[in-house]
Every structure is written in C-alpha cells, then in structure tokens.
C-alpha cells in the first residue's frame, strides 16, 4: 500500500536558523518558507537525493505545532510521510484494519497541493504518519 518515503517532518523553534543550518552547514537545497494557514504551520523543505526534510514552525496562536513546541522547546521529529497511489482506498483499508485516521477522516490539501491524511501515532509504533496521494 505505501510507496516511497516522501518526507520526515521536524518541528523547529526558529525556522530561519534551521533553514540556514541545512543550507549553509549541511549544503542542502532549501526552499523558501511557505505559510499553510489551513494547517497552522509555515514550512521549509530541504531537498535530498532520496527524500525531503520538512521543517515546521507554528503559524498563528492556535497551531498544533505550537503545542508541540511547548512540550519540546528545542523541537524534534513530528511525523513521517509516505506516498500512496489512492488515498481514499488506503484510508478505507487502514480503517477496516482498525487504524485511526485523525480529524474528520477526509483528505485535506497538504504542502505539495496534494491530498493528505494523518494516522494516529498509537497505531503506528508511536509515530504520527502522514499519507500523501501522488
């Protein structure tokens, strides 16, 4: 069902500092920041040969990423994103197997303009999982 690893998301307390670290210290290609108000985050993508790193920072006072930073002030890994061919078929199969889809269970538009869903971390070894239709 799942395809390749699309990205690993890391919450950061300072987006500019994190982007500079990946660009200048590690020599990676780093995107410009993009605000995603529907998700309450600002993102920067770090492109690697085999995947991407998504740097996340809160956007607005009620951002779930802000809550993450309250618990983890230095930031940390937030989720992994796997690609799927058909997000509705993947959702239905996972739900039939007992997995919990977060929020309404309906796909939302993600950072790449494609449908995404999140799966409960308690169902996946303590890891928040994002599925993105490709």
C-alpha atoms as a PDB file:
ATOM      1  CA  UNK A   1       0.000   0.000   0.000  1.00  0.00           C
ATOM      2  CA  UNK A   2       2.611   2.608   0.969  1.00  0.00           C
ATOM      3  CA  UNK A   3       5.136   3.772  -1.554  1.00  0.00           C
ATOM      4  CA  UNK A   4       8.286   5.718  -1.011  1.00  0.00           C
ATOM      5  CA  UNK A   5       9.104   7.927   1.937  1.00  0.00           C
ATOM      6  CA  UNK A   6       8.058  11.425   0.892  1.00  0.00           C
ATOM      7  CA  UNK A   7       9.487  13.354   3.840  1.00  0.00           C
ATOM      8  CA  UNK A   8      10.350  13.442   7.522  1.00  0.00           C
ATOM      9  CA  UNK A   9       8.910  16.470   9.336  1.00  0.00           C
ATOM     10  CA  UNK A  10      10.858  18.223  12.084  1.00  0.00           C
ATOM     11  CA  UNK A  11       9.375  20.954  14.279  1.00  0.00           C
ATOM     12  CA  UNK A  12      11.831  23.798  14.826  1.00  0.00           C
ATOM     13  CA  UNK A  13      11.692  26.747  17.237  1.00  0.00           C
ATOM     14  CA  UNK A  14      13.373  29.084  14.698  1.00  0.00           C
ATOM     15  CA  UNK A  15      12.704  28.439  11.024  1.00  0.00           C
ATOM     16  CA  UNK A  16      15.388  30.796   9.693  1.00  0.00           C
ATOM     17  CA  UNK A  17      18.076  29.273  11.910  1.00  0.00           C
ATOM     18  CA  UNK A  18      17.072  25.732  10.918  1.00  0.00           C
ATOM     19  CA  UNK A  19      16.994  26.573   7.190  1.00  0.00           C
ATOM     20  CA  UNK A  20      20.415  28.203   7.458  1.00  0.00           C
ATOM     21  CA  UNK A  21      21.800  25.137   9.228  1.00  0.00           C
ATOM     22  CA  UNK A  22      20.607  22.787   6.478  1.00  0.00           C
ATOM     23  CA  UNK A  23      21.663  25.138   3.650  1.00  0.00           C
ATOM     24  CA  UNK A  24      24.977  26.550   4.893  1.00  0.00           C
ATOM     25  CA  UNK A  25      26.283  23.873   7.261  1.00  0.00           C
ATOM     26  CA  UNK A  26      24.992  20.723   5.545  1.00  0.00           C
ATOM     27  CA  UNK A  27      24.994  22.068   1.974  1.00  0.00           C
ATOM     28  CA  UNK A  28      21.407  21.096   1.167  1.00  0.00           C
ATOM     29  CA  UNK A  29      18.989  22.774  -1.224  1.00  0.00           C
ATOM     30  CA  UNK A  30      16.401  24.610   0.900  1.00  0.00           C
ATOM     31  CA  UNK A  31      13.072  26.071  -0.281  1.00  0.00           C
ATOM     32  CA  UNK A  32      11.663  29.442   0.635  1.00  0.00           C
ATOM     33  CA  UNK A  33       9.254  29.425   3.594  1.00  0.00           C
ATOM     34  CA  UNK A  34       5.612  28.733   2.713  1.00  0.00           C
ATOM     35  CA  UNK A  35       2.713  29.593   5.014  1.00  0.00           C
ATOM     36  CA  UNK A  36      -0.044  26.979   5.230  1.00  0.00           C
ATOM     37  CA  UNK A  37      -2.825  28.669   7.231  1.00  0.00           C
ATOM     38  CA  UNK A  38      -5.176  25.661   6.932  1.00  0.00           C
ATOM     39  CA  UNK A  39      -2.597  23.572   8.796  1.00  0.00           C
ATOM     40  CA  UNK A  40      -1.356  26.308  11.142  1.00  0.00           C
ATOM     41  CA  UNK A  41       2.265  25.972  10.012  1.00  0.00           C
ATOM     42  CA  UNK A  42       4.993  27.576   7.989  1.00  0.00           C
ATOM     43  CA  UNK A  43       7.118  25.036   6.142  1.00  0.00           C
ATOM     44  CA  UNK A  44      10.528  24.890   4.534  1.00  0.00           C
ATOM     45  CA  UNK A  45      11.512  21.847   2.507  1.00  0.00           C
ATOM     46  CA  UNK A  46      15.054  20.523   2.397  1.00  0.00           C
ATOM     47  CA  UNK A  47      15.576  18.506  -0.797  1.00  0.00           C
ATOM     48  CA  UNK A  48      17.782  15.430  -0.591  1.00  0.00           C
ATOM     49  CA  UNK A  49      18.616  12.869  -3.280  1.00  0.00           C
ATOM     50  CA  UNK A  50      16.274  10.236  -1.862  1.00  0.00           C
ATOM     51  CA  UNK A  51      13.651  12.201   0.126  1.00  0.00           C
ATOM     52  CA  UNK A  52      12.935  15.546   1.785  1.00  0.00           C
ATOM     53  CA  UNK A  53      13.023  17.027   5.253  1.00  0.00           C
ATOM     54  CA  UNK A  54      10.099  19.298   6.119  1.00  0.00           C
ATOM     55  CA  UNK A  55      10.923  21.959   8.691  1.00  0.00           C
ATOM     56  CA  UNK A  56       7.762  23.056  10.530  1.00  0.00           C
ATOM     57  CA  UNK A  57       7.157  26.192  12.565  1.00  0.00           C
ATOM     58  CA  UNK A  58       3.878  27.394  14.137  1.00  0.00           C
ATOM     59  CA  UNK A  59       1.722  29.838  12.198  1.00  0.00           C
ATOM     60  CA  UNK A  60      -0.752  31.594  14.470  1.00  0.00           C
ATOM     61  CA  UNK A  61      -1.532  31.205  18.141  1.00  0.00           C
ATOM     62  CA  UNK A  62      -3.629  28.041  17.904  1.00  0.00           C
ATOM     63  CA  UNK A  63      -1.192  25.995  15.818  1.00  0.00           C
ATOM     64  CA  UNK A  64      -0.851  22.341  16.861  1.00  0.00           C
ATOM     65  CA  UNK A  65       2.855  22.786  16.161  1.00  0.00           C
ATOM     66  CA  UNK A  66       2.906  25.484  18.842  1.00  0.00           C
ATOM     67  CA  UNK A  67       1.597  22.922  21.306  1.00  0.00           C
ATOM     68  CA  UNK A  68       4.364  20.540  20.213  1.00  0.00           C
ATOM     69  CA  UNK A  69       6.979  23.235  20.879  1.00  0.00           C
ATOM     70  CA  UNK A  70       5.518  23.875  24.344  1.00  0.00           C
ATOM     71  CA  UNK A  71       6.213  20.232  25.199  1.00  0.00           C
ATOM     72  CA  UNK A  72       9.509  20.096  23.261  1.00  0.00           C
ATOM     73  CA  UNK A  73      11.039  23.610  23.265  1.00  0.00           C
ATOM     74  CA  UNK A  74      14.076  22.509  21.251  1.00  0.00           C
ATOM     75  CA  UNK A  75      11.825  20.985  18.558  1.00  0.00           C
ATOM     76  CA  UNK A  76      12.060  17.433  17.263  1.00  0.00           C
ATOM     77  CA  UNK A  77      10.701  14.899  14.814  1.00  0.00           C
ATOM     78  CA  UNK A  78       6.978  15.355  14.249  1.00  0.00           C
ATOM     79  CA  UNK A  79       5.898  12.840  11.583  1.00  0.00           C
ATOM     80  CA  UNK A  80       6.879  10.712   8.615  1.00  0.00           C
ATOM     81  CA  UNK A  81       5.046  10.960   5.303  1.00  0.00           C
ATOM     82  CA  UNK A  82       4.560   8.024   2.957  1.00  0.00           C
ATOM     83  CA  UNK A  83       3.227   8.187  -0.567  1.00  0.00           C
ATOM     84  CA  UNK A  84       0.120   6.271  -1.659  1.00  0.00           C
ATOM     85  CA  UNK A  85      -1.463   5.929  -5.090  1.00  0.00           C
ATOM     86  CA  UNK A  86      -5.069   6.255  -3.888  1.00  0.00           C
ATOM     87  CA  UNK A  87      -5.569   7.994  -0.563  1.00  0.00           C
ATOM     88  CA  UNK A  88      -9.248   7.045  -0.202  1.00  0.00           C
ATOM     89  CA  UNK A  89      -8.545   3.357  -0.857  1.00  0.00           C
ATOM     90  CA  UNK A  90      -5.624   3.476   1.597  1.00  0.00           C
ATOM     91  CA  UNK A  91      -7.799   5.188   4.219  1.00  0.00           C
ATOM     92  CA  UNK A  92     -10.606   2.664   3.838  1.00  0.00           C
ATOM     93  CA  UNK A  93      -8.235  -0.304   4.004  1.00  0.00           C
ATOM     94  CA  UNK A  94      -6.496   1.081   7.098  1.00  0.00           C
ATOM     95  CA  UNK A  95      -9.778   1.853   8.855  1.00  0.00           C
ATOM     96  CA  UNK A  96     -11.013  -1.680   8.067  1.00  0.00           C
ATOM     97  CA  UNK A  97      -7.869  -2.971   9.777  1.00  0.00           C
ATOM     98  CA  UNK A  98      -8.534  -0.846  12.877  1.00  0.00           C
ATOM     99  CA  UNK A  99      -6.237   2.127  12.246  1.00  0.00           C
ATOM    100  CA  UNK A 100      -7.480   5.536  13.367  1.00  0.00           C
ATOM    101  CA  UNK A 101      -7.488   8.401  10.888  1.00  0.00           C
ATOM    102  CA  UNK A 102      -7.178  11.784  12.601  1.00  0.00           C
ATOM    103  CA  UNK A 103      -9.537  14.746  12.247  1.00  0.00           C
ATOM    104  CA  UNK A 104     -12.597  14.141  10.069  1.00  0.00           C
ATOM    105  CA  UNK A 105     -11.000  11.301   8.116  1.00  0.00           C
ATOM    106  CA  UNK A 106     -11.399  13.267   4.898  1.00  0.00           C
ATOM    107  CA  UNK A 107      -8.246  14.225   2.991  1.00  0.00           C
ATOM    108  CA  UNK A 108      -7.047  17.823   3.143  1.00  0.00           C
ATOM    109  CA  UNK A 109      -4.705  19.602   0.768  1.00  0.00           C
ATOM    110  CA  UNK A 110      -1.124  19.313   2.003  1.00  0.00           C
ATOM    111  CA  UNK A 111       2.024  21.358   1.487  1.00  0.00           C
ATOM    112  CA  UNK A 112       2.556  19.952  -2.018  1.00  0.00           C
ATOM    113  CA  UNK A 113      -1.012  20.694  -3.126  1.00  0.00           C
ATOM    114  CA  UNK A 114      -1.941  17.014  -2.910  1.00  0.00           C
ATOM    115  CA  UNK A 115      -4.445  15.182  -0.658  1.00  0.00           C
ATOM    116  CA  UNK A 116      -3.100  14.123   2.752  1.00  0.00           C
ATOM    117  CA  UNK A 117      -4.340  12.256   5.829  1.00  0.00           C
ATOM    118  CA  UNK A 118      -2.785  11.688   9.239  1.00  0.00           C
ATOM    119  CA  UNK A 119      -2.882   8.404  11.164  1.00  0.00           C
ATOM    120  CA  UNK A 120      -2.888   8.099  14.950  1.00  0.00           C
ATOM    121  CA  UNK A 121       0.606   7.558  16.387  1.00  0.00           C
ATOM    122  CA  UNK A 122      -0.624   4.935  18.858  1.00  0.00           C
ATOM    123  CA  UNK A 123      -1.482   2.716  15.890  1.00  0.00           C
ATOM    124  CA  UNK A 124       1.989   3.057  14.296  1.00  0.00           C
ATOM    125  CA  UNK A 125       4.642   2.401  16.922  1.00  0.00           C
ATOM    126  CA  UNK A 126       4.321   5.862  18.481  1.00  0.00           C
ATOM    127  CA  UNK A 127       4.893   7.696  15.188  1.00  0.00           C
ATOM    128  CA  UNK A 128       2.483  10.165  13.616  1.00  0.00           C
ATOM    129  CA  UNK A 129       2.082   9.041   9.990  1.00  0.00           C
ATOM    130  CA  UNK A 130       1.022  11.240   7.103  1.00  0.00           C
ATOM    131  CA  UNK A 131      -0.172   9.703   3.853  1.00  0.00           C
ATOM    132  CA  UNK A 132       0.087  11.766   0.661  1.00  0.00           C
ATOM    133  CA  UNK A 133      -1.529  10.815  -2.608  1.00  0.00           C
ATOM    134  CA  UNK A 134       0.913  11.015  -5.528  1.00  0.00           C
END
